[in-house]
Every structure is written in C-alpha cells, then in structure tokens.
Amino acid sequence: MKDEGTAENSAAQSVRQQRFGKLPERVRPEDMIEEWPAVDHDPARGAYNPDEWLVRYCL
C-alpha cells in the first residue's frame, strides 16, 4: 500500500513539475505600457475668448 501512495505522489509531483516547473517568459516594461490621451480632444476648448465678457457686459 505504501508503494501506491508514493507512485501517486510521484505522478502528482511530475504533473506539478510540468505545469509549474519553469517561470513564464519575461515581459519587457515597454510592452506593459499602453498610452492614450487623458481626455478626448475638445474642439470647443480653444474657442474661449477672454475679452468676450467686455462685449457682453461693458458695451
């Protein structure tokens, strides 16, 4: 009965070794970075005129 237990253990150990026996391939830091703009381009963003309040309130 001891032989069966050790055979099962060695079989389980070999399965573990095949699955987890080596480290995964290295991933370069450049491949882990994804870049995109923080905010989408807003065409109205540059349309502000700082002198517009003069036209609205002073004339």
Protein backbone atom coordinates (compact mmCIF):
# COMPACT_ATOMS: atom_id res chain seq x y z
CA MET A 1 0.00 0.00 0.00
CA LYS A 2 2.92 2.31 0.60
CA ASP A 3 4.09 1.80 -2.96
CA GLU A 4 0.76 3.03 -4.35
CA GLY A 5 0.89 6.21 -2.29
CA THR A 6 4.41 7.03 -3.38
CA ALA A 7 3.55 6.25 -7.00
CA GLU A 8 0.55 8.58 -6.80
CA ASN A 9 2.67 11.25 -5.13
CA SER A 10 5.40 10.99 -7.73
CA ALA A 11 2.81 11.15 -10.53
CA ALA A 12 1.24 14.23 -8.97
CA GLN A 13 4.70 15.71 -8.47
CA SER A 14 5.63 15.18 -12.11
CA VAL A 15 2.35 16.81 -13.22
CA ARG A 16 3.08 19.80 -10.98
CA GLN A 17 6.62 20.00 -12.29
CA GLN A 18 5.41 20.04 -15.89
CA ARG A 19 2.84 22.72 -15.17
CA PHE A 20 4.72 24.95 -12.72
CA GLY A 21 8.32 23.85 -13.23
CA LYS A 22 9.52 26.94 -15.10
CA LEU A 23 8.86 30.63 -14.91
CA PRO A 24 6.86 32.32 -17.66
CA GLU A 25 8.71 34.29 -20.31
CA ARG A 26 9.80 37.78 -19.27
CA VAL A 27 7.67 40.70 -20.36
CA ARG A 28 9.55 43.89 -21.15
CA PRO A 29 8.34 47.04 -19.33
CA GLU A 30 7.83 48.71 -22.72
CA ASP A 31 5.29 46.02 -23.58
CA MET A 32 3.33 46.61 -20.36
CA ILE A 33 2.65 50.30 -21.02
CA GLU A 34 -0.28 51.50 -23.06
CA GLU A 35 -0.57 55.20 -23.79
CA TRP A 36 -3.58 57.23 -24.81
CA PRO A 37 -4.64 60.83 -24.19
CA ALA A 38 -6.10 61.55 -20.76
CA VAL A 39 -9.05 63.41 -22.28
CA ASP A 40 -10.50 63.37 -25.75
CA HIS A 41 -9.84 66.34 -27.99
CA ASP A 42 -12.47 69.02 -27.42
CA PRO A 43 -12.78 71.37 -30.40
CA ALA A 44 -14.59 74.00 -28.27
CA ARG A 45 -11.75 74.10 -25.75
CA GLY A 46 -9.77 76.72 -27.67
CA ALA A 47 -12.86 78.72 -28.59
CA TYR A 48 -12.88 80.72 -25.32
CA ASN A 49 -12.30 84.40 -25.87
CA PRO A 50 -11.13 86.17 -22.68
CA ASP A 51 -12.37 89.51 -24.00
CA GLU A 52 -15.91 88.26 -24.64
CA TRP A 53 -17.15 89.47 -21.24
CA LEU A 54 -16.17 93.01 -22.29
CA VAL A 55 -18.51 92.81 -25.23
CA ARG A 56 -21.35 91.31 -23.20
CA TYR A 57 -21.21 93.48 -20.10
CA CYS A 58 -19.40 96.73 -20.93
CA LEU A 59 -20.92 97.81 -24.23
